[in-house]
N, C-alpha and C. Protein backbone atom coordinates (compact mmCIF):
# COMPACT_ATOMS: atom_id res chain seq x y z
N MET A 1 0.83 -1.20 0.00
CA MET A 1 0.00 0.00 0.00
C MET A 1 0.87 1.26 0.00
N LYS A 2 1.99 1.20 0.73
CA LYS A 2 2.85 2.37 0.82
C LYS A 2 3.43 2.72 -0.55
N GLY A 3 3.83 1.71 -1.33
CA GLY A 3 4.36 1.95 -2.67
C GLY A 3 3.33 2.59 -3.58
N ARG A 4 2.09 2.17 -3.47
CA ARG A 4 1.00 2.73 -4.28
C ARG A 4 0.78 4.20 -3.93
N LYS A 5 0.84 4.50 -2.63
CA LYS A 5 0.62 5.88 -2.19
C LYS A 5 1.74 6.80 -2.69
N SER A 6 2.96 6.34 -2.59
CA SER A 6 4.07 7.18 -3.04
C SER A 6 4.05 7.34 -4.56
N TRP A 7 3.65 6.26 -5.27
CA TRP A 7 3.54 6.37 -6.73
C TRP A 7 2.46 7.39 -7.10
N ALA A 8 1.34 7.36 -6.40
CA ALA A 8 0.25 8.29 -6.68
C ALA A 8 0.68 9.73 -6.43
N MET A 9 1.38 9.95 -5.34
CA MET A 9 1.85 11.32 -5.04
C MET A 9 2.85 11.78 -6.10
N ALA A 10 3.74 10.88 -6.52
CA ALA A 10 4.73 11.23 -7.54
C ALA A 10 4.03 11.53 -8.87
N TYR A 11 3.06 10.72 -9.23
CA TYR A 11 2.33 10.94 -10.48
C TYR A 11 1.59 12.28 -10.43
N CYS A 12 0.97 12.56 -9.31
CA CYS A 12 0.24 13.82 -9.14
C CYS A 12 1.20 15.01 -9.27
N GLY A 13 2.35 14.93 -8.63
CA GLY A 13 3.32 16.00 -8.70
C GLY A 13 3.88 16.20 -10.10
N MET A 14 4.14 15.09 -10.80
CA MET A 14 4.67 15.20 -12.17
C MET A 14 3.63 15.77 -13.12
N ALA A 15 2.38 15.35 -12.96
CA ALA A 15 1.31 15.88 -13.80
C ALA A 15 1.11 17.38 -13.53
N ALA A 16 1.19 17.78 -12.27
CA ALA A 16 1.05 19.20 -11.93
C ALA A 16 2.22 20.00 -12.51
N ALA A 17 3.43 19.48 -12.41
CA ALA A 17 4.59 20.18 -12.95
C ALA A 17 4.49 20.32 -14.47
N LEU A 18 4.07 19.26 -15.13
CA LEU A 18 3.90 19.31 -16.58
C LEU A 18 2.78 20.28 -16.96
N SER A 19 1.75 20.33 -16.16
CA SER A 19 0.66 21.28 -16.39
C SER A 19 1.16 22.72 -16.31
N ILE A 20 1.97 23.01 -15.31
CA ILE A 20 2.52 24.35 -15.16
C ILE A 20 3.42 24.68 -16.35
N ALA A 21 4.18 23.70 -16.81
CA ALA A 21 5.04 23.94 -17.99
C ALA A 21 4.19 24.30 -19.21
N PHE A 22 3.08 23.60 -19.39
CA PHE A 22 2.19 23.93 -20.51
C PHE A 22 1.55 25.30 -20.33
N MET A 23 1.20 25.64 -19.10
CA MET A 23 0.60 26.94 -18.83
C MET A 23 1.60 28.07 -19.14
N LEU A 24 2.86 27.86 -18.78
CA LEU A 24 3.89 28.84 -19.11
C LEU A 24 4.07 28.95 -20.62
N LEU A 25 3.98 27.83 -21.30
CA LEU A 25 4.07 27.83 -22.76
C LEU A 25 2.90 28.59 -23.37
N GLY A 26 1.73 28.49 -22.74
CA GLY A 26 0.56 29.22 -23.20
C GLY A 26 0.72 30.73 -23.09
N ALA A 27 1.56 31.16 -22.17
CA ALA A 27 1.80 32.59 -22.03
C ALA A 27 2.83 33.09 -23.03
N VAL A 28 3.64 32.18 -23.56
CA VAL A 28 4.70 32.56 -24.48
C VAL A 28 4.26 32.49 -25.94
N ILE A 29 3.53 31.43 -26.28
CA ILE A 29 3.07 31.22 -27.65
C ILE A 29 1.58 31.59 -27.71
N PRO A 30 1.23 32.64 -28.44
CA PRO A 30 -0.15 33.14 -28.42
C PRO A 30 -1.21 32.11 -28.80
N ILE A 31 -0.93 31.22 -29.73
CA ILE A 31 -1.95 30.26 -30.14
C ILE A 31 -2.24 29.23 -29.04
N PHE A 32 -1.33 29.11 -28.09
CA PHE A 32 -1.50 28.17 -26.98
C PHE A 32 -2.32 28.76 -25.83
N MET A 33 -2.82 29.98 -25.99
CA MET A 33 -3.53 30.67 -24.92
C MET A 33 -4.67 29.83 -24.31
N TYR A 34 -5.42 29.15 -25.16
CA TYR A 34 -6.52 28.32 -24.66
C TYR A 34 -6.19 26.84 -24.77
N ILE A 35 -5.22 26.50 -25.59
CA ILE A 35 -4.82 25.09 -25.73
C ILE A 35 -4.09 24.63 -24.47
N ALA A 36 -3.23 25.48 -23.93
CA ALA A 36 -2.45 25.12 -22.75
C ALA A 36 -3.33 24.77 -21.54
N PRO A 37 -4.34 25.58 -21.19
CA PRO A 37 -5.20 25.18 -20.07
C PRO A 37 -5.98 23.90 -20.36
N ALA A 38 -6.32 23.66 -21.63
CA ALA A 38 -7.03 22.42 -21.98
C ALA A 38 -6.13 21.21 -21.79
N ILE A 39 -4.87 21.32 -22.20
CA ILE A 39 -3.92 20.22 -22.01
C ILE A 39 -3.68 20.00 -20.51
N ALA A 40 -3.53 21.08 -19.77
CA ALA A 40 -3.33 20.97 -18.33
C ALA A 40 -4.53 20.31 -17.66
N SER A 41 -5.73 20.62 -18.14
CA SER A 41 -6.92 19.99 -17.55
C SER A 41 -6.97 18.50 -17.87
N PHE A 42 -6.50 18.12 -19.06
CA PHE A 42 -6.42 16.69 -19.38
C PHE A 42 -5.45 15.98 -18.44
N LEU A 43 -4.34 16.62 -18.12
CA LEU A 43 -3.40 16.02 -17.18
C LEU A 43 -4.01 15.87 -15.79
N VAL A 44 -4.81 16.84 -15.37
CA VAL A 44 -5.53 16.72 -14.10
C VAL A 44 -6.52 15.56 -14.17
N ALA A 45 -7.15 15.38 -15.32
CA ALA A 45 -8.09 14.27 -15.49
C ALA A 45 -7.37 12.92 -15.38
N THR A 46 -6.14 12.83 -15.91
CA THR A 46 -5.41 11.57 -15.77
C THR A 46 -5.03 11.29 -14.32
N VAL A 47 -4.78 12.35 -13.55
CA VAL A 47 -4.54 12.16 -12.12
C VAL A 47 -5.78 11.58 -11.47
N CYS A 48 -6.95 12.04 -11.88
CA CYS A 48 -8.21 11.51 -11.34
C CYS A 48 -8.35 10.02 -11.67
N VAL A 49 -8.03 9.65 -12.90
CA VAL A 49 -8.13 8.25 -13.32
C VAL A 49 -7.15 7.38 -12.56
N GLU A 50 -5.92 7.84 -12.43
CA GLU A 50 -4.86 7.03 -11.81
C GLU A 50 -4.86 7.06 -10.29
N CYS A 51 -5.19 8.20 -9.70
CA CYS A 51 -4.95 8.39 -8.27
C CYS A 51 -6.20 8.71 -7.46
N GLY A 52 -7.30 9.01 -8.12
CA GLY A 52 -8.53 9.34 -7.42
C GLY A 52 -8.81 10.83 -7.39
N LYS A 53 -10.05 11.13 -6.98
CA LYS A 53 -10.51 12.53 -7.01
C LYS A 53 -9.78 13.42 -6.01
N THR A 54 -9.42 12.89 -4.86
CA THR A 54 -8.76 13.72 -3.84
C THR A 54 -7.44 14.28 -4.36
N LEU A 55 -6.61 13.43 -4.93
CA LEU A 55 -5.34 13.91 -5.46
C LEU A 55 -5.55 14.76 -6.71
N ALA A 56 -6.60 14.47 -7.48
CA ALA A 56 -6.89 15.29 -8.66
C ALA A 56 -7.27 16.71 -8.24
N TRP A 57 -8.09 16.85 -7.19
CA TRP A 57 -8.43 18.18 -6.69
C TRP A 57 -7.18 18.87 -6.13
N THR A 58 -6.30 18.09 -5.52
CA THR A 58 -5.04 18.65 -5.03
C THR A 58 -4.19 19.16 -6.19
N ALA A 59 -4.12 18.38 -7.26
CA ALA A 59 -3.37 18.81 -8.45
C ALA A 59 -3.99 20.07 -9.04
N TYR A 60 -5.32 20.10 -9.12
CA TYR A 60 -6.00 21.30 -9.63
C TYR A 60 -5.64 22.52 -8.78
N GLY A 61 -5.69 22.37 -7.46
CA GLY A 61 -5.37 23.49 -6.57
C GLY A 61 -3.92 23.94 -6.73
N ALA A 62 -3.01 22.99 -6.83
CA ALA A 62 -1.59 23.33 -6.97
C ALA A 62 -1.33 24.04 -8.30
N VAL A 63 -1.88 23.50 -9.38
CA VAL A 63 -1.68 24.11 -10.69
C VAL A 63 -2.33 25.49 -10.73
N SER A 64 -3.49 25.63 -10.14
CA SER A 64 -4.17 26.92 -10.10
C SER A 64 -3.33 27.96 -9.38
N LEU A 65 -2.89 27.62 -8.18
CA LEU A 65 -2.11 28.56 -7.39
C LEU A 65 -0.79 28.91 -8.07
N LEU A 66 -0.08 27.90 -8.54
CA LEU A 66 1.21 28.17 -9.18
C LEU A 66 1.06 28.93 -10.50
N SER A 67 0.01 28.65 -11.24
CA SER A 67 -0.17 29.38 -12.49
C SER A 67 -0.56 30.84 -12.22
N LEU A 68 -1.35 31.08 -11.18
CA LEU A 68 -1.68 32.46 -10.83
C LEU A 68 -0.44 33.23 -10.36
N LEU A 69 0.48 32.51 -9.72
CA LEU A 69 1.69 33.17 -9.25
C LEU A 69 2.75 33.38 -10.34
N PHE A 70 2.91 32.39 -11.22
CA PHE A 70 4.07 32.40 -12.11
C PHE A 70 3.78 32.59 -13.59
N VAL A 71 2.56 32.34 -14.04
CA VAL A 71 2.27 32.49 -15.46
C VAL A 71 2.05 33.98 -15.74
N PRO A 72 2.84 34.56 -16.65
CA PRO A 72 2.72 36.00 -16.90
C PRO A 72 1.39 36.42 -17.50
N ASP A 73 0.81 35.61 -18.36
CA ASP A 73 -0.48 35.94 -18.97
C ASP A 73 -1.59 35.42 -18.04
N LYS A 74 -2.15 36.33 -17.27
CA LYS A 74 -3.14 35.93 -16.27
C LYS A 74 -4.42 35.37 -16.89
N GLU A 75 -4.72 35.73 -18.13
CA GLU A 75 -5.92 35.18 -18.77
C GLU A 75 -5.78 33.68 -18.97
N VAL A 76 -4.57 33.22 -19.27
CA VAL A 76 -4.31 31.78 -19.40
C VAL A 76 -4.56 31.10 -18.06
N ALA A 77 -4.00 31.67 -17.00
CA ALA A 77 -4.15 31.11 -15.66
C ALA A 77 -5.61 31.14 -15.21
N LEU A 78 -6.29 32.26 -15.45
CA LEU A 78 -7.68 32.38 -15.02
C LEU A 78 -8.61 31.44 -15.79
N THR A 79 -8.31 31.19 -17.06
CA THR A 79 -9.11 30.23 -17.83
C THR A 79 -9.02 28.85 -17.20
N PHE A 80 -7.83 28.49 -16.74
CA PHE A 80 -7.66 27.20 -16.06
C PHE A 80 -8.40 27.20 -14.72
N VAL A 81 -8.22 28.26 -13.94
CA VAL A 81 -8.79 28.31 -12.60
C VAL A 81 -10.32 28.32 -12.62
N PHE A 82 -10.91 29.14 -13.51
CA PHE A 82 -12.35 29.34 -13.47
C PHE A 82 -13.15 28.37 -14.34
N LEU A 83 -12.50 27.60 -15.22
CA LEU A 83 -13.29 26.72 -16.07
C LEU A 83 -12.61 25.40 -16.38
N LEU A 84 -11.53 25.43 -17.11
CA LEU A 84 -10.99 24.19 -17.67
C LEU A 84 -10.29 23.31 -16.64
N GLY A 85 -9.76 23.86 -15.58
CA GLY A 85 -9.02 23.08 -14.60
C GLY A 85 -9.87 22.09 -13.83
N TYR A 86 -11.01 22.53 -13.35
CA TYR A 86 -11.86 21.65 -12.55
C TYR A 86 -12.89 20.90 -13.40
N TYR A 87 -13.09 21.31 -14.63
CA TYR A 87 -14.14 20.70 -15.44
C TYR A 87 -14.01 19.18 -15.57
N PRO A 88 -12.82 18.62 -15.80
CA PRO A 88 -12.75 17.15 -15.88
C PRO A 88 -13.16 16.45 -14.60
N LEU A 89 -13.09 17.13 -13.47
CA LEU A 89 -13.45 16.53 -12.20
C LEU A 89 -14.96 16.57 -11.94
N VAL A 90 -15.66 17.53 -12.54
CA VAL A 90 -17.11 17.60 -12.37
C VAL A 90 -17.86 17.02 -13.57
N LYS A 91 -17.15 16.77 -14.66
CA LYS A 91 -17.76 16.24 -15.88
C LYS A 91 -18.54 14.94 -15.64
N PRO A 92 -18.02 13.99 -14.84
CA PRO A 92 -18.80 12.75 -14.62
C PRO A 92 -20.19 13.00 -14.03
N LYS A 93 -20.34 14.04 -13.23
CA LYS A 93 -21.67 14.36 -12.67
C LYS A 93 -22.63 14.78 -13.78
N PHE A 94 -22.12 15.52 -14.76
CA PHE A 94 -22.95 15.96 -15.88
C PHE A 94 -23.37 14.80 -16.78
N GLU A 95 -22.55 13.78 -16.86
CA GLU A 95 -22.83 12.66 -17.77
C GLU A 95 -24.05 11.86 -17.35
N HIS A 96 -24.48 12.00 -16.11
CA HIS A 96 -25.67 11.30 -15.62
C HIS A 96 -26.96 12.02 -15.97
N ILE A 97 -26.87 13.25 -16.43
CA ILE A 97 -28.07 14.04 -16.74
C ILE A 97 -28.66 13.56 -18.06
N ARG A 98 -29.95 13.28 -18.06
CA ARG A 98 -30.67 12.87 -19.27
C ARG A 98 -31.82 13.82 -19.46
N PRO A 99 -32.21 14.18 -20.61
CA PRO A 99 -31.71 13.83 -21.94
C PRO A 99 -30.43 14.61 -22.29
N ALA A 100 -29.85 14.26 -23.43
CA ALA A 100 -28.58 14.84 -23.85
C ALA A 100 -28.66 16.36 -24.03
N LEU A 101 -29.79 16.86 -24.49
CA LEU A 101 -29.95 18.30 -24.67
C LEU A 101 -29.85 19.04 -23.35
N LEU A 102 -30.49 18.51 -22.31
CA LEU A 102 -30.42 19.12 -20.98
C LEU A 102 -28.98 19.05 -20.45
N ARG A 103 -28.30 17.93 -20.68
CA ARG A 103 -26.90 17.78 -20.27
C ARG A 103 -26.04 18.85 -20.94
N GLY A 104 -26.23 19.05 -22.23
CA GLY A 104 -25.47 20.07 -22.96
C GLY A 104 -25.76 21.46 -22.44
N LEU A 105 -27.02 21.74 -22.15
CA LEU A 105 -27.39 23.06 -21.60
C LEU A 105 -26.76 23.30 -20.23
N CYS A 106 -26.72 22.26 -19.40
CA CYS A 106 -26.10 22.39 -18.08
C CYS A 106 -24.59 22.64 -18.21
N LYS A 107 -23.95 21.95 -19.14
CA LYS A 107 -22.53 22.18 -19.37
C LYS A 107 -22.27 23.61 -19.85
N LEU A 108 -23.11 24.08 -20.76
CA LEU A 108 -22.95 25.45 -21.25
C LEU A 108 -23.23 26.48 -20.15
N LEU A 109 -24.16 26.16 -19.26
CA LEU A 109 -24.43 27.05 -18.13
C LEU A 109 -23.19 27.15 -17.23
N LEU A 110 -22.54 26.02 -16.98
CA LEU A 110 -21.31 26.04 -16.20
C LEU A 110 -20.23 26.84 -16.92
N CYS A 111 -20.08 26.62 -18.21
CA CYS A 111 -19.08 27.33 -19.01
C CYS A 111 -19.32 28.84 -18.96
N ASN A 112 -20.52 29.26 -19.26
CA ASN A 112 -20.83 30.70 -19.28
C ASN A 112 -20.73 31.31 -17.89
N GLY A 113 -21.16 30.57 -16.87
CA GLY A 113 -21.03 31.07 -15.50
C GLY A 113 -19.58 31.26 -15.11
N GLY A 114 -18.73 30.29 -15.45
CA GLY A 114 -17.30 30.40 -15.13
C GLY A 114 -16.64 31.55 -15.85
N ILE A 115 -16.96 31.71 -17.13
CA ILE A 115 -16.36 32.79 -17.91
C ILE A 115 -16.85 34.15 -17.42
N LEU A 116 -18.15 34.28 -17.17
CA LEU A 116 -18.68 35.55 -16.66
C LEU A 116 -18.11 35.88 -15.28
N LEU A 117 -17.96 34.88 -14.44
CA LEU A 117 -17.36 35.10 -13.13
C LEU A 117 -15.90 35.54 -13.28
N MET A 118 -15.18 34.90 -14.19
CA MET A 118 -13.78 35.25 -14.41
C MET A 118 -13.63 36.70 -14.87
N TYR A 119 -14.36 37.07 -15.91
CA TYR A 119 -14.24 38.44 -16.42
C TYR A 119 -14.87 39.46 -15.47
N GLY A 120 -15.90 39.08 -14.74
CA GLY A 120 -16.46 39.97 -13.73
C GLY A 120 -15.45 40.27 -12.63
N LEU A 121 -14.72 39.24 -12.20
CA LEU A 121 -13.69 39.43 -11.18
C LEU A 121 -12.55 40.29 -11.72
N VAL A 122 -12.17 40.06 -12.98
CA VAL A 122 -11.11 40.88 -13.59
C VAL A 122 -11.55 42.34 -13.63
N LEU A 123 -12.78 42.59 -14.06
CA LEU A 123 -13.27 43.97 -14.13
C LEU A 123 -13.38 44.61 -12.76
N LEU A 124 -13.72 43.82 -11.76
CA LEU A 124 -13.85 44.33 -10.40
C LEU A 124 -12.47 44.67 -9.81
N LEU A 125 -11.50 43.79 -10.03
CA LEU A 125 -10.18 43.99 -9.44
C LEU A 125 -9.31 44.95 -10.23
N ILE A 126 -9.50 44.98 -11.55
CA ILE A 126 -8.65 45.83 -12.40
C ILE A 126 -9.57 46.67 -13.29
N PRO A 127 -10.27 47.64 -12.74
CA PRO A 127 -11.22 48.40 -13.55
C PRO A 127 -10.59 49.23 -14.65
N GLY A 128 -9.36 49.65 -14.50
CA GLY A 128 -8.72 50.47 -15.51
C GLY A 128 -7.82 49.66 -16.43
N GLY A 129 -7.87 48.32 -16.31
CA GLY A 129 -6.98 47.48 -17.10
C GLY A 129 -7.36 47.42 -18.56
N SER A 130 -6.48 46.84 -19.33
CA SER A 130 -6.68 46.77 -20.78
C SER A 130 -7.89 45.90 -21.14
N ILE A 131 -8.18 44.88 -20.33
CA ILE A 131 -9.32 44.01 -20.63
C ILE A 131 -10.62 44.79 -20.48
N SER A 132 -10.73 45.58 -19.41
CA SER A 132 -11.97 46.34 -19.21
C SER A 132 -12.15 47.38 -20.32
N GLN A 133 -11.05 48.02 -20.75
CA GLN A 133 -11.15 48.98 -21.85
C GLN A 133 -11.59 48.27 -23.13
N GLU A 134 -11.02 47.11 -23.36
CA GLU A 134 -11.36 46.34 -24.55
C GLU A 134 -12.83 45.95 -24.54
N MET A 135 -13.34 45.55 -23.36
CA MET A 135 -14.73 45.14 -23.26
C MET A 135 -15.68 46.32 -23.40
N ARG A 136 -15.26 47.50 -22.93
CA ARG A 136 -16.13 48.67 -23.03
C ARG A 136 -16.25 49.17 -24.47
N THR A 137 -15.19 49.05 -25.23
CA THR A 137 -15.20 49.57 -26.60
C THR A 137 -15.76 48.57 -27.61
N THR A 138 -15.93 47.33 -27.21
CA THR A 138 -16.43 46.32 -28.13
C THR A 138 -17.95 46.42 -28.21
N ALA A 139 -18.44 46.27 -29.40
CA ALA A 139 -19.89 46.32 -29.60
C ALA A 139 -20.55 45.08 -28.99
N LEU A 140 -21.79 45.21 -28.63
CA LEU A 140 -22.54 44.10 -28.04
C LEU A 140 -22.61 42.92 -29.00
N ALA A 141 -22.80 43.17 -30.27
CA ALA A 141 -22.89 42.08 -31.25
C ALA A 141 -21.59 41.29 -31.31
N VAL A 142 -20.46 41.98 -31.26
CA VAL A 142 -19.17 41.29 -31.28
C VAL A 142 -18.99 40.47 -30.01
N SER A 143 -19.40 41.01 -28.89
CA SER A 143 -19.29 40.28 -27.62
C SER A 143 -20.16 39.02 -27.63
N LEU A 144 -21.36 39.13 -28.12
CA LEU A 144 -22.25 37.96 -28.18
C LEU A 144 -21.74 36.92 -29.17
N THR A 145 -21.18 37.38 -30.28
CA THR A 145 -20.61 36.45 -31.25
C THR A 145 -19.41 35.72 -30.64
N THR A 146 -18.59 36.44 -29.92
CA THR A 146 -17.44 35.83 -29.26
C THR A 146 -17.90 34.81 -28.22
N LEU A 147 -18.92 35.14 -27.48
CA LEU A 147 -19.47 34.21 -26.48
C LEU A 147 -20.03 32.97 -27.15
N ALA A 148 -20.73 33.14 -28.27
CA ALA A 148 -21.28 31.99 -29.00
C ALA A 148 -20.15 31.09 -29.51
N MET A 149 -19.09 31.69 -30.05
CA MET A 149 -17.95 30.90 -30.51
C MET A 149 -17.27 30.19 -29.34
N GLY A 150 -17.23 30.84 -28.19
CA GLY A 150 -16.68 30.21 -26.99
C GLY A 150 -17.49 29.02 -26.55
N ASN A 151 -18.82 29.12 -26.68
CA ASN A 151 -19.68 27.99 -26.33
C ASN A 151 -19.45 26.80 -27.26
N VAL A 152 -19.32 27.07 -28.55
CA VAL A 152 -19.03 26.00 -29.50
C VAL A 152 -17.67 25.37 -29.19
N ALA A 153 -16.68 26.22 -28.91
CA ALA A 153 -15.34 25.72 -28.57
C ALA A 153 -15.38 24.87 -27.31
N PHE A 154 -16.19 25.27 -26.31
CA PHE A 154 -16.29 24.50 -25.09
C PHE A 154 -16.92 23.13 -25.34
N LEU A 155 -17.96 23.09 -26.17
CA LEU A 155 -18.57 21.79 -26.49
C LEU A 155 -17.60 20.89 -27.25
N LEU A 156 -16.80 21.47 -28.13
CA LEU A 156 -15.77 20.69 -28.82
C LEU A 156 -14.71 20.21 -27.83
N TYR A 157 -14.33 21.06 -26.90
CA TYR A 157 -13.38 20.66 -25.85
C TYR A 157 -13.95 19.51 -25.02
N ASP A 158 -15.22 19.60 -24.67
CA ASP A 158 -15.87 18.55 -23.89
C ASP A 158 -15.80 17.21 -24.62
N ARG A 159 -16.08 17.22 -25.90
CA ARG A 159 -16.03 15.98 -26.69
C ARG A 159 -14.59 15.48 -26.82
N ALA A 160 -13.65 16.40 -27.05
CA ALA A 160 -12.24 16.02 -27.16
C ALA A 160 -11.73 15.43 -25.85
N LEU A 161 -12.14 16.02 -24.73
CA LEU A 161 -11.74 15.49 -23.42
C LEU A 161 -12.25 14.07 -23.24
N HIS A 162 -13.50 13.85 -23.61
CA HIS A 162 -14.08 12.50 -23.53
C HIS A 162 -13.27 11.51 -24.38
N ASN A 163 -12.98 11.90 -25.61
CA ASN A 163 -12.23 11.01 -26.51
C ASN A 163 -10.81 10.77 -26.02
N MET A 164 -10.16 11.81 -25.51
CA MET A 164 -8.79 11.66 -25.00
C MET A 164 -8.75 10.76 -23.77
N LEU A 165 -9.73 10.87 -22.89
CA LEU A 165 -9.77 9.99 -21.72
C LEU A 165 -10.03 8.54 -22.12
N GLN A 166 -10.87 8.34 -23.13
CA GLN A 166 -11.09 6.98 -23.64
C GLN A 166 -9.79 6.42 -24.21
N ALA A 167 -9.09 7.22 -25.01
CA ALA A 167 -7.81 6.79 -25.58
C ALA A 167 -6.80 6.52 -24.47
N TYR A 168 -6.80 7.33 -23.43
CA TYR A 168 -5.89 7.13 -22.31
C TYR A 168 -6.17 5.79 -21.64
N ARG A 169 -7.44 5.52 -21.38
CA ARG A 169 -7.80 4.27 -20.69
C ARG A 169 -7.49 3.04 -21.55
N ILE A 170 -7.69 3.14 -22.85
CA ILE A 170 -7.52 1.98 -23.73
C ILE A 170 -6.06 1.79 -24.15
N LEU A 171 -5.40 2.88 -24.52
CA LEU A 171 -4.06 2.77 -25.11
C LEU A 171 -2.93 3.02 -24.12
N TRP A 172 -3.00 4.10 -23.37
CA TRP A 172 -1.85 4.52 -22.57
C TRP A 172 -1.83 3.91 -21.18
N GLN A 173 -2.96 3.78 -20.53
CA GLN A 173 -2.99 3.29 -19.16
C GLN A 173 -2.45 1.86 -19.05
N PRO A 174 -2.85 0.93 -19.93
CA PRO A 174 -2.26 -0.41 -19.82
C PRO A 174 -0.74 -0.42 -20.01
N ARG A 175 -0.24 0.40 -20.91
CA ARG A 175 1.22 0.46 -21.13
C ARG A 175 1.93 1.05 -19.91
N LEU A 176 1.33 2.06 -19.31
CA LEU A 176 1.91 2.67 -18.12
C LEU A 176 1.97 1.65 -16.99
N HIS A 177 0.90 0.92 -16.80
CA HIS A 177 0.84 -0.07 -15.71
C HIS A 177 1.79 -1.24 -15.99
N LYS A 178 1.91 -1.63 -17.26
CA LYS A 178 2.83 -2.71 -17.63
C LYS A 178 4.28 -2.27 -17.40
N MET A 179 4.58 -1.04 -17.78
CA MET A 179 5.93 -0.50 -17.60
C MET A 179 6.30 -0.44 -16.11
N LEU A 180 5.33 -0.14 -15.27
CA LEU A 180 5.58 -0.02 -13.84
C LEU A 180 5.43 -1.33 -13.09
N GLY A 181 5.01 -2.38 -13.80
CA GLY A 181 4.83 -3.68 -13.17
C GLY A 181 3.65 -3.74 -12.22
N ARG A 182 2.59 -3.01 -12.57
CA ARG A 182 1.40 -2.96 -11.68
C ARG A 182 0.31 -3.84 -12.22
C-alpha cells in the first residue's frame, strides 16, 4: 500500500509540474492561450483516473495557485482556474443528466457562468486594465458572437476530453501499468 501511495503522489506532482510547464508555454506562444489550459486539464483528469478525485483536486489546486503566481499571462491562468481546470473533475456528474440536450445546456451554463465570473472578477479587481477597456469599446454584437464561438469551442473541448480519456484508458494506461509492473 505504501508503494502505491508514493507512486500516486509522484504521479500527481509530475502531472502538476507538466501542467505548469504547458501553462507557461501558453503565455509565451499566443496560439496556446486556450490550448495550454485544456492540455493541463487533461493532465488533471489523468490524475483523477490514476490516483482518485482527492489527489486530482489537489493537483487542480496546486496548478491553479502556481499558475496564478508564475504564469505571466493571467488570462491563461484564469481560464484554467475558473473553467478548464476543474471541469474534468465535475464532468462525470454531468454525464448522468438525461436527456442529452439538458446535459449540454447544463454544461454550457457552467461554461458561461465560469467565464462571466472570471471576467467579472477581472473587471472588479482591475477596472482600468486593458481588458476592461477592450470590453467597453467592443460592440454588443461582437461580444455575443465571441461568447457563441466560446460555447461551440467548449462543447468541442468537452467531446475532445471525452475522446482523449477513452484513448488514455484503452491505449496509454495499460502500457503505463505494464511498464511499472502494476
